[in-house]
Amino acid sequence: MTARFSRPAAALAFAAALTLGTAAVAHHGWEWAEEKQSTLEGTIREIYIGPPHPTLKVETAKDGLWQIDLANPSQTSRSGFTEGSAQPGNKVLILGNRSAQKDQKLMKAVKITVEGKDFLLYPERIPK
């Protein structure tokens, strides 16, 4: 049996797929972030290791809770950062690119330092 769609239904499905695909690419690329890198220092409150990308929730003394996006799971693991590499309560220093939208407390990490141990998520993006 072959599924048949009306033209309006097919057009709507195509538009939805295009919109969702564009949103995913925009968030997973670097376009949404500032070009200039900055650092953020705080305490890890939550850790998520999994797709689409691992994240940290980091509380800073000045700005409160931030979401830190790490690399994709494979690349994060290759950096040495795996489950057990950090715990809630650990101090962390992040080098990365924060969201271009100043009202968002969101940063894409290039390098994280947990309790003195460095994890190079995107070594090619770290200034020499």
PDB file of N, CA and C in Angstrom:
ATOM      1  N   MET A   1       0.842  -1.181   0.000  1.00  0.00           N
ATOM      2  CA  MET A   1       0.000   0.000   0.000  1.00  0.00           C
ATOM      3  C   MET A   1       0.886   1.242   0.000  1.00  0.00           C
ATOM      4  N   THR A   2       0.594   2.192  -0.842  1.00  0.00           N
ATOM      5  CA  THR A   2       1.356   3.414  -0.964  1.00  0.00           C
ATOM      6  C   THR A   2       0.613   4.553  -0.290  1.00  0.00           C
ATOM      7  N   ALA A   3       1.336   5.338   0.523  1.00  0.00           N
ATOM      8  CA  ALA A   3       0.712   6.487   1.179  1.00  0.00           C
ATOM      9  C   ALA A   3       0.597   7.618   0.175  1.00  0.00           C
ATOM     10  N   ARG A   4      -0.508   8.308   0.201  1.00  0.00           N
ATOM     11  CA  ARG A   4      -0.726   9.443  -0.695  1.00  0.00           C
ATOM     12  C   ARG A   4      -1.031  10.666   0.146  1.00  0.00           C
ATOM     13  N   PHE A   5      -0.445  11.764  -0.237  1.00  0.00           N
ATOM     14  CA  PHE A   5      -0.670  13.023   0.467  1.00  0.00           C
ATOM     15  C   PHE A   5      -1.240  14.034  -0.507  1.00  0.00           C
ATOM     16  N   SER A   6      -2.102  14.877   0.009  1.00  0.00           N
ATOM     17  CA  SER A   6      -2.584  15.982  -0.823  1.00  0.00           C
ATOM     18  C   SER A   6      -1.448  16.981  -0.972  1.00  0.00           C
ATOM     19  N   ARG A   7      -1.500  17.813  -1.956  1.00  0.00           N
ATOM     20  CA  ARG A   7      -0.441  18.808  -2.153  1.00  0.00           C
ATOM     21  C   ARG A   7      -0.308  19.747  -0.959  1.00  0.00           C
ATOM     22  N   PRO A   8      -1.406  20.242  -0.400  1.00  0.00           N
ATOM     23  CA  PRO A   8      -1.241  21.110   0.779  1.00  0.00           C
ATOM     24  C   PRO A   8      -0.583  20.371   1.948  1.00  0.00           C
ATOM     25  N   ALA A   9      -0.950  19.110   2.166  1.00  0.00           N
ATOM     26  CA  ALA A   9      -0.357  18.347   3.268  1.00  0.00           C
ATOM     27  C   ALA A   9       1.130  18.115   3.010  1.00  0.00           C
ATOM     28  N   ALA A  10       1.489  17.796   1.784  1.00  0.00           N
ATOM     29  CA  ALA A  10       2.886  17.578   1.438  1.00  0.00           C
ATOM     30  C   ALA A  10       3.685  18.878   1.599  1.00  0.00           C
ATOM     31  N   ALA A  11       3.121  19.991   1.167  1.00  0.00           N
ATOM     32  CA  ALA A  11       3.793  21.286   1.298  1.00  0.00           C
ATOM     33  C   ALA A  11       3.991  21.640   2.769  1.00  0.00           C
ATOM     34  N   LEU A  12       2.986  21.381   3.583  1.00  0.00           N
ATOM     35  CA  LEU A  12       3.087  21.653   5.019  1.00  0.00           C
ATOM     36  C   LEU A  12       4.165  20.784   5.661  1.00  0.00           C
ATOM     37  N   ALA A  13       4.216  19.514   5.313  1.00  0.00           N
ATOM     38  CA  ALA A  13       5.223  18.603   5.854  1.00  0.00           C
ATOM     39  C   ALA A  13       6.627  19.060   5.445  1.00  0.00           C
ATOM     40  N   PHE A  14       6.788  19.476   4.189  1.00  0.00           N
ATOM     41  CA  PHE A  14       8.075  19.954   3.710  1.00  0.00           C
ATOM     42  C   PHE A  14       8.500  21.218   4.463  1.00  0.00           C
ATOM     43  N   ALA A  15       7.575  22.145   4.647  1.00  0.00           N
ATOM     44  CA  ALA A  15       7.879  23.393   5.357  1.00  0.00           C
ATOM     45  C   ALA A  15       8.267  23.112   6.802  1.00  0.00           C
ATOM     46  N   ALA A  16       7.574  22.189   7.447  1.00  0.00           N
ATOM     47  CA  ALA A  16       7.888  21.836   8.837  1.00  0.00           C
ATOM     48  C   ALA A  16       9.282  21.219   8.924  1.00  0.00           C
ATOM     49  N   ALA A  17       9.607  20.310   8.010  1.00  0.00           N
ATOM     50  CA  ALA A  17      10.921  19.670   8.010  1.00  0.00           C
ATOM     51  C   ALA A  17      12.025  20.700   7.777  1.00  0.00           C
ATOM     52  N   LEU A  18      11.791  21.616   6.862  1.00  0.00           N
ATOM     53  CA  LEU A  18      12.770  22.652   6.567  1.00  0.00           C
ATOM     54  C   LEU A  18      12.987  23.554   7.774  1.00  0.00           C
ATOM     55  N   THR A  19      11.915  23.944   8.437  1.00  0.00           N
ATOM     56  CA  THR A  19      12.009  24.801   9.612  1.00  0.00           C
ATOM     57  C   THR A  19      12.753  24.103  10.744  1.00  0.00           C
ATOM     58  N   LEU A  20      12.388  22.869  11.037  1.00  0.00           N
ATOM     59  CA  LEU A  20      13.047  22.137  12.118  1.00  0.00           C
ATOM     60  C   LEU A  20      14.506  21.882  11.799  1.00  0.00           C
ATOM     61  N   GLY A  21      14.805  21.550  10.567  1.00  0.00           N
ATOM     62  CA  GLY A  21      16.181  21.306  10.170  1.00  0.00           C
ATOM     63  C   GLY A  21      17.031  22.559  10.298  1.00  0.00           C
ATOM     64  N   THR A  22      16.494  23.693   9.898  1.00  0.00           N
ATOM     65  CA  THR A  22      17.209  24.960  10.004  1.00  0.00           C
ATOM     66  C   THR A  22      17.473  25.313  11.457  1.00  0.00           C
ATOM     67  N   ALA A  23      16.492  25.106  12.330  1.00  0.00           N
ATOM     68  CA  ALA A  23      16.666  25.409  13.752  1.00  0.00           C
ATOM     69  C   ALA A  23      17.757  24.541  14.354  1.00  0.00           C
ATOM     70  N   ALA A  24      17.790  23.275  14.001  1.00  0.00           N
ATOM     71  CA  ALA A  24      18.797  22.369  14.551  1.00  0.00           C
ATOM     72  C   ALA A  24      20.193  22.777  14.096  1.00  0.00           C
ATOM     73  N   VAL A  25      20.351  23.105  12.841  1.00  0.00           N
ATOM     74  CA  VAL A  25      21.652  23.505  12.328  1.00  0.00           C
ATOM     75  C   VAL A  25      22.101  24.804  12.980  1.00  0.00           C
ATOM     76  N   ALA A  26      21.187  25.746  13.129  1.00  0.00           N
ATOM     77  CA  ALA A  26      21.539  27.031  13.715  1.00  0.00           C
ATOM     78  C   ALA A  26      22.046  26.857  15.139  1.00  0.00           C
ATOM     79  N   HIS A  27      21.417  25.995  15.924  1.00  0.00           N
ATOM     80  CA  HIS A  27      21.839  25.825  17.307  1.00  0.00           C
ATOM     81  C   HIS A  27      23.112  24.996  17.397  1.00  0.00           C
ATOM     82  N   HIS A  28      23.276  24.017  16.534  1.00  0.00           N
ATOM     83  CA  HIS A  28      24.432  23.144  16.640  1.00  0.00           C
ATOM     84  C   HIS A  28      25.668  23.689  15.947  1.00  0.00           C
ATOM     85  N   GLY A  29      25.526  24.720  15.145  1.00  0.00           N
ATOM     86  CA  GLY A  29      26.686  25.370  14.552  1.00  0.00           C
ATOM     87  C   GLY A  29      27.210  26.429  15.510  1.00  0.00           C
ATOM     88  N   TRP A  30      27.891  27.422  14.966  1.00  0.00           N
ATOM     89  CA  TRP A  30      28.450  28.496  15.777  1.00  0.00           C
ATOM     90  C   TRP A  30      27.790  29.835  15.480  1.00  0.00           C
ATOM     91  N   GLU A  31      26.898  29.878  14.506  1.00  0.00           N
ATOM     92  CA  GLU A  31      26.309  31.141  14.069  1.00  0.00           C
ATOM     93  C   GLU A  31      25.543  31.861  15.172  1.00  0.00           C
ATOM     94  N   TRP A  32      24.975  31.124  16.098  1.00  0.00           N
ATOM     95  CA  TRP A  32      24.168  31.715  17.167  1.00  0.00           C
ATOM     96  C   TRP A  32      25.014  32.339  18.263  1.00  0.00           C
ATOM     97  N   ALA A  33      26.329  32.093  18.226  1.00  0.00           N
ATOM     98  CA  ALA A  33      27.221  32.538  19.298  1.00  0.00           C
ATOM     99  C   ALA A  33      28.062  33.734  18.859  1.00  0.00           C
ATOM    100  N   GLU A  34      28.531  34.482  19.856  1.00  0.00           N
ATOM    101  CA  GLU A  34      29.442  35.590  19.576  1.00  0.00           C
ATOM    102  C   GLU A  34      30.734  35.052  18.975  1.00  0.00           C
ATOM    103  N   GLU A  35      31.362  35.840  18.136  1.00  0.00           N
ATOM    104  CA  GLU A  35      32.640  35.426  17.552  1.00  0.00           C
ATOM    105  C   GLU A  35      33.748  35.469  18.601  1.00  0.00           C
ATOM    106  N   LYS A  36      33.702  36.470  19.472  1.00  0.00           N
ATOM    107  CA  LYS A  36      34.713  36.650  20.518  1.00  0.00           C
ATOM    108  C   LYS A  36      34.528  35.605  21.619  1.00  0.00           C
ATOM    109  N   GLN A  37      35.633  35.022  22.045  1.00  0.00           N
ATOM    110  CA  GLN A  37      35.582  34.058  23.141  1.00  0.00           C
ATOM    111  C   GLN A  37      35.718  34.779  24.481  1.00  0.00           C
ATOM    112  N   SER A  38      35.130  34.174  25.488  1.00  0.00           N
ATOM    113  CA  SER A  38      35.233  34.709  26.841  1.00  0.00           C
ATOM    114  C   SER A  38      35.312  33.546  27.816  1.00  0.00           C
ATOM    115  N   THR A  39      35.559  33.868  29.076  1.00  0.00           N
ATOM    116  CA  THR A  39      35.627  32.825  30.103  1.00  0.00           C
ATOM    117  C   THR A  39      34.472  32.992  31.081  1.00  0.00           C
ATOM    118  N   LEU A  40      34.125  31.886  31.686  1.00  0.00           N
ATOM    119  CA  LEU A  40      33.060  31.842  32.689  1.00  0.00           C
ATOM    120  C   LEU A  40      33.545  30.912  33.793  1.00  0.00           C
ATOM    121  N   GLU A  41      33.425  31.365  35.025  1.00  0.00           N
ATOM    122  CA  GLU A  41      33.882  30.568  36.161  1.00  0.00           C
ATOM    123  C   GLU A  41      32.725  30.349  37.113  1.00  0.00           C
ATOM    124  N   GLY A  42      32.586  29.129  37.597  1.00  0.00           N
ATOM    125  CA  GLY A  42      31.497  28.856  38.513  1.00  0.00           C
ATOM    126  C   GLY A  42      31.562  27.449  39.079  1.00  0.00           C
ATOM    127  N   THR A  43      30.392  27.026  39.555  1.00  0.00           N
ATOM    128  CA  THR A  43      30.247  25.712  40.179  1.00  0.00           C
ATOM    129  C   THR A  43      29.272  24.882  39.366  1.00  0.00           C
ATOM    130  N   ILE A  44      29.648  23.660  39.047  1.00  0.00           N
ATOM    131  CA  ILE A  44      28.762  22.768  38.299  1.00  0.00           C
ATOM    132  C   ILE A  44      27.587  22.380  39.188  1.00  0.00           C
ATOM    133  N   ARG A  45      26.380  22.565  38.664  1.00  0.00           N
ATOM    134  CA  ARG A  45      25.167  22.175  39.390  1.00  0.00           C
ATOM    135  C   ARG A  45      24.527  20.926  38.796  1.00  0.00           C
ATOM    136  N   GLU A  46      24.606  20.779  37.454  1.00  0.00           N
ATOM    137  CA  GLU A  46      24.044  19.608  36.772  1.00  0.00           C
ATOM    138  C   GLU A  46      24.956  19.213  35.617  1.00  0.00           C
ATOM    139  N   ILE A  47      24.964  17.917  35.312  1.00  0.00           N
ATOM    140  CA  ILE A  47      25.743  17.386  34.190  1.00  0.00           C
ATOM    141  C   ILE A  47      24.838  16.465  33.390  1.00  0.00           C
ATOM    142  N   TYR A  48      24.827  16.658  32.074  1.00  0.00           N
ATOM    143  CA  TYR A  48      24.104  15.746  31.172  1.00  0.00           C
ATOM    144  C   TYR A  48      25.094  15.269  30.128  1.00  0.00           C
ATOM    145  N   ILE A  49      25.252  13.954  30.020  1.00  0.00           N
ATOM    146  CA  ILE A  49      26.117  13.365  28.996  1.00  0.00           C
ATOM    147  C   ILE A  49      25.212  12.569  28.060  1.00  0.00           C
ATOM    148  N   GLY A  50      25.033  13.028  26.835  1.00  0.00           N
ATOM    149  CA  GLY A  50      24.192  12.336  25.874  1.00  0.00           C
ATOM    150  C   GLY A  50      23.881  13.216  24.691  1.00  0.00           C
ATOM    151  N   PRO A  51      23.138  12.654  23.724  1.00  0.00           N
ATOM    152  CA  PRO A  51      22.792  13.422  22.525  1.00  0.00           C
ATOM    153  C   PRO A  51      21.717  14.459  22.829  1.00  0.00           C
ATOM    154  N   PRO A  52      21.593  15.519  22.080  1.00  0.00           N
ATOM    155  CA  PRO A  52      22.424  15.817  20.912  1.00  0.00           C
ATOM    156  C   PRO A  52      23.805  16.331  21.299  1.00  0.00           C
ATOM    157  N   HIS A  53      23.958  16.903  22.482  1.00  0.00           N
ATOM    158  CA  HIS A  53      25.275  17.275  22.978  1.00  0.00           C
ATOM    159  C   HIS A  53      25.228  17.340  24.499  1.00  0.00           C
ATOM    160  N   PRO A  54      26.305  16.915  25.146  1.00  0.00           N
ATOM    161  CA  PRO A  54      26.373  17.028  26.599  1.00  0.00           C
ATOM    162  C   PRO A  54      26.287  18.491  27.040  1.00  0.00           C
ATOM    163  N   THR A  55      25.748  18.698  28.224  1.00  0.00           N
ATOM    164  CA  THR A  55      25.625  20.052  28.755  1.00  0.00           C
ATOM    165  C   THR A  55      25.985  20.076  30.232  1.00  0.00           C
ATOM    166  N   LEU A  56      26.391  21.243  30.670  1.00  0.00           N
ATOM    167  CA  LEU A  56      26.605  21.514  32.083  1.00  0.00           C
ATOM    168  C   LEU A  56      25.692  22.673  32.469  1.00  0.00           C
ATOM    169  N   LYS A  57      25.176  22.642  33.666  1.00  0.00           N
ATOM    170  CA  LYS A  57      24.518  23.808  34.264  1.00  0.00           C
ATOM    171  C   LYS A  57      25.523  24.324  35.281  1.00  0.00           C
ATOM    172  N   VAL A  58      25.948  25.564  35.095  1.00  0.00           N
ATOM    173  CA  VAL A  58      26.994  26.150  35.924  1.00  0.00           C
ATOM    174  C   VAL A  58      26.461  27.412  36.589  1.00  0.00           C
ATOM    175  N   GLU A  59      26.624  27.471  37.895  1.00  0.00           N
ATOM    176  CA  GLU A  59      26.188  28.647  38.649  1.00  0.00           C
ATOM    177  C   GLU A  59      27.386  29.554  38.893  1.00  0.00           C
ATOM    178  N   THR A  60      27.224  30.826  38.535  1.00  0.00           N
ATOM    179  CA  THR A  60      28.273  31.813  38.767  1.00  0.00           C
ATOM    180  C   THR A  60      27.844  32.723  39.920  1.00  0.00           C
ATOM    181  N   ALA A  61      28.822  33.309  40.572  1.00  0.00           N
ATOM    182  CA  ALA A  61      28.526  34.212  41.683  1.00  0.00           C
ATOM    183  C   ALA A  61      27.838  35.483  41.182  1.00  0.00           C
ATOM    184  N   LYS A  62      28.185  35.898  39.972  1.00  0.00           N
ATOM    185  CA  LYS A  62      27.691  37.175  39.441  1.00  0.00           C
ATOM    186  C   LYS A  62      26.371  37.054  38.680  1.00  0.00           C
ATOM    187  N   ASP A  63      26.242  36.007  37.815  1.00  0.00           N
ATOM    188  CA  ASP A  63      25.124  35.949  36.872  1.00  0.00           C
ATOM    189  C   ASP A  63      24.138  34.815  37.095  1.00  0.00           C
ATOM    190  N   GLY A  64      24.326  34.003  38.097  1.00  0.00           N
ATOM    191  CA  GLY A  64      23.395  32.897  38.320  1.00  0.00           C
ATOM    192  C   GLY A  64      23.707  31.685  37.456  1.00  0.00           C
ATOM    193  N   LEU A  65      22.655  30.970  37.041  1.00  0.00           N
ATOM    194  CA  LEU A  65      22.793  29.684  36.357  1.00  0.00           C
ATOM    195  C   LEU A  65      22.936  29.834  34.843  1.00  0.00           C
ATOM    196  N   TRP A  66      23.948  29.197  34.278  1.00  0.00           N
ATOM    197  CA  TRP A  66      24.231  29.204  32.845  1.00  0.00           C
ATOM    198  C   TRP A  66      24.134  27.787  32.302  1.00  0.00           C
ATOM    199  N   GLN A  67      23.735  27.669  31.029  1.00  0.00           N
ATOM    200  CA  GLN A  67      23.824  26.397  30.317  1.00  0.00           C
ATOM    201  C   GLN A  67      25.074  26.438  29.458  1.00  0.00           C
ATOM    202  N   ILE A  68      25.901  25.400  29.612  1.00  0.00           N
ATOM    203  CA  ILE A  68      27.137  25.282  28.843  1.00  0.00           C
ATOM    204  C   ILE A  68      26.989  24.087  27.913  1.00  0.00           C
ATOM    205  N   ASP A  69      26.977  24.344  26.618  1.00  0.00           N
ATOM    206  CA  ASP A  69      26.900  23.274  25.619  1.00  0.00           C
ATOM    207  C   ASP A  69      28.311  22.796  25.320  1.00  0.00           C
ATOM    208  N   LEU A  70      28.501  21.488  25.414  1.00  0.00           N
ATOM    209  CA  LEU A  70      29.789  20.886  25.069  1.00  0.00           C
ATOM    210  C   LEU A  70      29.734  20.429  23.612  1.00  0.00           C
ATOM    211  N   ALA A  71      30.738  19.722  23.151  1.00  0.00           N
ATOM    212  CA  ALA A  71      30.751  19.201  21.776  1.00  0.00           C
ATOM    213  C   ALA A  71      29.783  18.024  21.681  1.00  0.00           C
ATOM    214  N   ASN A  72      29.644  17.453  20.491  1.00  0.00           N
ATOM    215  CA  ASN A  72      28.787  16.262  20.357  1.00  0.00           C
ATOM    216  C   ASN A  72      29.348  15.160  21.265  1.00  0.00           C
ATOM    217  N   PRO A  73      28.541  14.152  21.593  1.00  0.00           N
ATOM    218  CA  PRO A  73      29.002  13.137  22.553  1.00  0.00           C
ATOM    219  C   PRO A  73      30.337  12.473  22.204  1.00  0.00           C
ATOM    220  N   SER A  74      30.562  12.149  20.930  1.00  0.00           N
ATOM    221  CA  SER A  74      31.821  11.495  20.537  1.00  0.00           C
ATOM    222  C   SER A  74      33.014  12.416  20.745  1.00  0.00           C
ATOM    223  N   GLN A  75      32.870  13.648  20.307  1.00  0.00           N
ATOM    224  CA  GLN A  75      33.966  14.604  20.428  1.00  0.00           C
ATOM    225  C   GLN A  75      34.231  14.954  21.892  1.00  0.00           C
ATOM    226  N   THR A  76      33.171  15.073  22.690  1.00  0.00           N
ATOM    227  CA  THR A  76      33.341  15.342  24.119  1.00  0.00           C
ATOM    228  C   THR A  76      34.104  14.198  24.774  1.00  0.00           C
ATOM    229  N   SER A  77      33.752  12.971  24.429  1.00  0.00           N
ATOM    230  CA  SER A  77      34.435  11.792  24.974  1.00  0.00           C
ATOM    231  C   SER A  77      35.903  11.762  24.551  1.00  0.00           C
ATOM    232  N   ARG A  78      36.177  12.100  23.279  1.00  0.00           N
ATOM    233  CA  ARG A  78      37.568  12.128  22.798  1.00  0.00           C
ATOM    234  C   ARG A  78      38.412  13.156  23.551  1.00  0.00           C
ATOM    235  N   SER A  79      37.763  14.213  24.053  1.00  0.00           N
ATOM    236  CA  SER A  79      38.499  15.224  24.825  1.00  0.00           C
ATOM    237  C   SER A  79      38.901  14.687  26.194  1.00  0.00           C
ATOM    238  N   GLY A  80      38.320  13.540  26.568  1.00  0.00           N
ATOM    239  CA  GLY A  80      38.592  12.955  27.879  1.00  0.00           C
ATOM    240  C   GLY A  80      37.478  13.194  28.877  1.00  0.00           C
ATOM    241  N   PHE A  81      36.522  14.056  28.509  1.00  0.00           N
ATOM    242  CA  PHE A  81      35.408  14.356  29.415  1.00  0.00           C
ATOM    243  C   PHE A  81      34.319  13.309  29.208  1.00  0.00           C
ATOM    244  N   THR A  82      34.162  12.459  30.203  1.00  0.00           N
ATOM    245  CA  THR A  82      33.167  11.391  30.167  1.00  0.00           C
ATOM    246  C   THR A  82      32.403  11.401  31.483  1.00  0.00           C
ATOM    247  N   GLU A  83      31.415  10.505  31.582  1.00  0.00           N
ATOM    248  CA  GLU A  83      30.698  10.393  32.842  1.00  0.00           C
ATOM    249  C   GLU A  83      31.706  10.129  33.951  1.00  0.00           C
ATOM    250  N   GLY A  84      31.612  10.855  35.021  1.00  0.00           N
ATOM    251  CA  GLY A  84      32.549  10.698  36.124  1.00  0.00           C
ATOM    252  C   GLY A  84      33.719  11.671  36.090  1.00  0.00           C
ATOM    253  N   SER A  85      33.888  12.419  34.985  1.00  0.00           N
ATOM    254  CA  SER A  85      34.975  13.400  34.904  1.00  0.00           C
ATOM    255  C   SER A  85      34.720  14.600  35.802  1.00  0.00           C
ATOM    256  N   ALA A  86      33.469  14.841  36.118  1.00  0.00           N
ATOM    257  CA  ALA A  86      33.087  15.971  36.966  1.00  0.00           C
ATOM    258  C   ALA A  86      31.852  15.582  37.763  1.00  0.00           C
ATOM    259  N   GLN A  87      31.666  16.284  38.857  1.00  0.00           N
ATOM    260  CA  GLN A  87      30.522  16.053  39.728  1.00  0.00           C
ATOM    261  C   GLN A  87      29.875  17.392  40.058  1.00  0.00           C
ATOM    262  N   PRO A  88      28.576  17.398  40.308  1.00  0.00           N
ATOM    263  CA  PRO A  88      27.976  18.633  40.820  1.00  0.00           C
ATOM    264  C   PRO A  88      28.744  19.092  42.064  1.00  0.00           C
ATOM    265  N   GLY A  89      29.018  20.380  42.121  1.00  0.00           N
ATOM    266  CA  GLY A  89      29.801  20.950  43.217  1.00  0.00           C
ATOM    267  C   GLY A  89      31.234  21.249  42.833  1.00  0.00           C
ATOM    268  N   ASN A  90      31.725  20.634  41.722  1.00  0.00           N
ATOM    269  CA  ASN A  90      33.081  20.927  41.251  1.00  0.00           C
ATOM    270  C   ASN A  90      33.168  22.352  40.714  1.00  0.00           C
ATOM    271  N   LYS A  91      34.311  22.968  40.924  1.00  0.00           N
ATOM    272  CA  LYS A  91      34.602  24.273  40.324  1.00  0.00           C
ATOM    273  C   LYS A  91      35.006  24.056  38.876  1.00  0.00           C
ATOM    274  N   VAL A  92      34.567  24.966  38.005  1.00  0.00           N
ATOM    275  CA  VAL A  92      34.863  24.834  36.587  1.00  0.00           C
ATOM    276  C   VAL A  92      35.173  26.208  35.985  1.00  0.00           C
ATOM    277  N   LEU A  93      36.108  26.202  35.046  1.00  0.00           N
ATOM    278  CA  LEU A  93      36.439  27.386  34.261  1.00  0.00           C
ATOM    279  C   LEU A  93      36.190  27.017  32.809  1.00  0.00           C
ATOM    280  N   ILE A  94      35.391  27.827  32.129  1.00  0.00           N
ATOM    281  CA  ILE A  94      35.021  27.540  30.739  1.00  0.00           C
ATOM    282  C   ILE A  94      35.555  28.636  29.834  1.00  0.00           C
ATOM    283  N   LEU A  95      36.178  28.222  28.733  1.00  0.00           N
ATOM    284  CA  LEU A  95      36.524  29.126  27.644  1.00  0.00           C
ATOM    285  C   LEU A  95      35.563  28.778  26.522  1.00  0.00           C
ATOM    286  N   GLY A  96      34.879  29.778  26.004  1.00  0.00           N
ATOM    287  CA  GLY A  96      33.929  29.484  24.941  1.00  0.00           C
ATOM    288  C   GLY A  96      33.312  30.730  24.344  1.00  0.00           C
ATOM    289  N   ASN A  97      32.258  30.492  23.581  1.00  0.00           N
ATOM    290  CA  ASN A  97      31.553  31.566  22.883  1.00  0.00           C
ATOM    291  C   ASN A  97      30.136  31.641  23.435  1.00  0.00           C
ATOM    292  N   ARG A  98      29.803  32.780  24.013  1.00  0.00           N
ATOM    293  CA  ARG A  98      28.474  32.935  24.587  1.00  0.00           C
ATOM    294  C   ARG A  98      27.464  33.301  23.509  1.00  0.00           C
ATOM    295  N   SER A  99      26.210  33.102  23.825  1.00  0.00           N
ATOM    296  CA  SER A  99      25.133  33.417  22.894  1.00  0.00           C
ATOM    297  C   SER A  99      25.197  34.887  22.500  1.00  0.00           C
ATOM    298  N   ALA A 100      24.916  35.157  21.234  1.00  0.00           N
ATOM    299  CA  ALA A 100      24.862  36.536  20.760  1.00  0.00           C
ATOM    300  C   ALA A 100      23.660  37.275  21.341  1.00  0.00           C
ATOM    301  N   GLN A 101      22.684  36.533  21.821  1.00  0.00           N
ATOM    302  CA  GLN A 101      21.521  37.146  22.478  1.00  0.00           C
ATOM    303  C   GLN A 101      21.874  37.360  23.943  1.00  0.00           C
ATOM    304  N   LYS A 102      22.114  38.602  24.317  1.00  0.00           N
ATOM    305  CA  LYS A 102      22.628  38.928  25.646  1.00  0.00           C
ATOM    306  C   LYS A 102      21.721  38.475  26.787  1.00  0.00           C
ATOM    307  N   ASP A 103      20.427  38.283  26.508  1.00  0.00           N
ATOM    308  CA  ASP A 103      19.514  37.854  27.570  1.00  0.00           C
ATOM    309  C   ASP A 103      19.593  36.353  27.832  1.00  0.00           C
ATOM    310  N   GLN A 104      20.315  35.613  26.989  1.00  0.00           N
ATOM    311  CA  GLN A 104      20.475  34.168  27.176  1.00  0.00           C
ATOM    312  C   GLN A 104      21.748  33.872  27.953  1.00  0.00           C
ATOM    313  N   LYS A 105      21.636  33.045  28.961  1.00  0.00           N
ATOM    314  CA  LYS A 105      22.807  32.586  29.706  1.00  0.00           C
ATOM    315  C   LYS A 105      23.207  31.237  29.131  1.00  0.00           C
ATOM    316  N   LEU A 106      23.797  31.301  27.938  1.00  0.00           N
ATOM    317  CA  LEU A 106      24.135  30.121  27.154  1.00  0.00           C
ATOM    318  C   LEU A 106      25.508  30.321  26.539  1.00  0.00           C
ATOM    319  N   MET A 107      26.351  29.301  26.656  1.00  0.00           N
ATOM    320  CA  MET A 107      27.699  29.366  26.097  1.00  0.00           C
ATOM    321  C   MET A 107      28.055  28.021  25.484  1.00  0.00           C
ATOM    322  N   LYS A 108      28.762  28.076  24.355  1.00  0.00           N
ATOM    323  CA  LYS A 108      29.305  26.864  23.739  1.00  0.00           C
ATOM    324  C   LYS A 108      30.768  26.777  24.151  1.00  0.00           C
ATOM    325  N   ALA A 109      31.107  25.705  24.869  1.00  0.00           N
ATOM    326  CA  ALA A 109      32.458  25.558  25.405  1.00  0.00           C
ATOM    327  C   ALA A 109      33.439  25.093  24.346  1.00  0.00           C
ATOM    328  N   VAL A 110      34.631  25.658  24.387  1.00  0.00           N
ATOM    329  CA  VAL A 110      35.752  25.251  23.558  1.00  0.00           C
ATOM    330  C   VAL A 110      36.718  24.433  24.424  1.00  0.00           C
ATOM    331  N   LYS A 111      36.857  24.874  25.668  1.00  0.00           N
ATOM    332  CA  LYS A 111      37.742  24.213  26.642  1.00  0.00           C
ATOM    333  C   LYS A 111      37.092  24.349  28.011  1.00  0.00           C
ATOM    334  N   ILE A 112      37.111  23.271  28.779  1.00  0.00           N
ATOM    335  CA  ILE A 112      36.654  23.358  30.159  1.00  0.00           C
ATOM    336  C   ILE A 112      37.771  22.847  31.065  1.00  0.00           C
ATOM    337  N   THR A 113      37.889  23.472  32.214  1.00  0.00           N
ATOM    338  CA  THR A 113      38.865  23.068  33.214  1.00  0.00           C
ATOM    339  C   THR A 113      38.093  22.760  34.487  1.00  0.00           C
ATOM    340  N   VAL A 114      38.125  21.487  34.888  1.00  0.00           N
ATOM    341  CA  VAL A 114      37.403  21.038  36.074  1.00  0.00           C
ATOM    342  C   VAL A 114      38.423  20.671  37.141  1.00  0.00           C
ATOM    343  N   GLU A 115      38.382  21.409  38.250  1.00  0.00           N
ATOM    344  CA  GLU A 115      39.294  21.136  39.365  1.00  0.00           C
ATOM    345  C   GLU A 115      40.744  21.019  38.877  1.00  0.00           C
ATOM    346  N   GLY A 116      41.137  21.914  37.947  1.00  0.00           N
ATOM    347  CA  GLY A 116      42.513  21.956  37.452  1.00  0.00           C
ATOM    348  C   GLY A 116      42.828  21.053  36.271  1.00  0.00           C
ATOM    349  N   LYS A 117      41.902  20.196  35.844  1.00  0.00           N
ATOM    350  CA  LYS A 117      42.143  19.300  34.703  1.00  0.00           C
ATOM    351  C   LYS A 117      41.475  19.878  33.455  1.00  0.00           C
ATOM    352  N   ASP A 118      42.254  20.024  32.363  1.00  0.00           N
ATOM    353  CA  ASP A 118      41.759  20.597  31.108  1.00  0.00           C
ATOM    354  C   ASP A 118      41.129  19.536  30.207  1.00  0.00           C
ATOM    355  N   PHE A 119      40.023  19.917  29.564  1.00  0.00           N
ATOM    356  CA  PHE A 119      39.367  19.108  28.540  1.00  0.00           C
ATOM    357  C   PHE A 119      39.220  20.002  27.315  1.00  0.00           C
ATOM    358  N   LEU A 120      39.931  19.665  26.235  1.00  0.00           N
ATOM    359  CA  LEU A 120      39.934  20.474  25.017  1.00  0.00           C
ATOM    360  C   LEU A 120      38.870  19.931  24.066  1.00  0.00           C
ATOM    361  N   LEU A 121      37.716  20.561  24.068  1.00  0.00           N
ATOM    362  CA  LEU A 121      36.598  20.109  23.240  1.00  0.00           C
ATOM    363  C   LEU A 121      36.799  20.457  21.771  1.00  0.00           C
ATOM    364  N   TYR A 122      37.285  21.649  21.518  1.00  0.00           N
ATOM    365  CA  TYR A 122      37.563  22.120  20.157  1.00  0.00           C
ATOM    366  C   TYR A 122      38.977  22.711  20.147  1.00  0.00           C
ATOM    367  N   PRO A 123      40.016  21.866  20.163  1.00  0.00           N
ATOM    368  CA  PRO A 123      41.387  22.391  20.258  1.00  0.00           C
ATOM    369  C   PRO A 123      41.747  23.355  19.133  1.00  0.00           C
ATOM    370  N   GLU A 124      41.176  23.160  17.963  1.00  0.00           N
ATOM    371  CA  GLU A 124      41.484  24.033  16.821  1.00  0.00           C
ATOM    372  C   GLU A 124      40.928  25.448  17.017  1.00  0.00           C
ATOM    373  N   ARG A 125      40.021  25.641  17.961  1.00  0.00           N
ATOM    374  CA  ARG A 125      39.425  26.950  18.215  1.00  0.00           C
ATOM    375  C   ARG A 125      40.077  27.670  19.408  1.00  0.00           C
ATOM    376  N   ILE A 126      41.039  27.035  20.042  1.00  0.00           N
ATOM    377  CA  ILE A 126      41.685  27.644  21.204  1.00  0.00           C
ATOM    378  C   ILE A 126      42.811  28.545  20.714  1.00  0.00           C
ATOM    379  N   PRO A 127      42.784  29.822  21.132  1.00  0.00           N
ATOM    380  CA  PRO A 127      43.841  30.741  20.699  1.00  0.00           C
ATOM    381  C   PRO A 127      45.213  30.263  21.168  1.00  0.00           C
ATOM    382  N   LYS A 128      46.180  30.451  20.297  1.00  0.00           N
ATOM    383  CA  LYS A 128      47.545  30.012  20.630  1.00  0.00           C
ATOM    384  C   LYS A 128      48.324  31.125  21.268  1.00  0.00           C
TER     385      LYS A 128
END
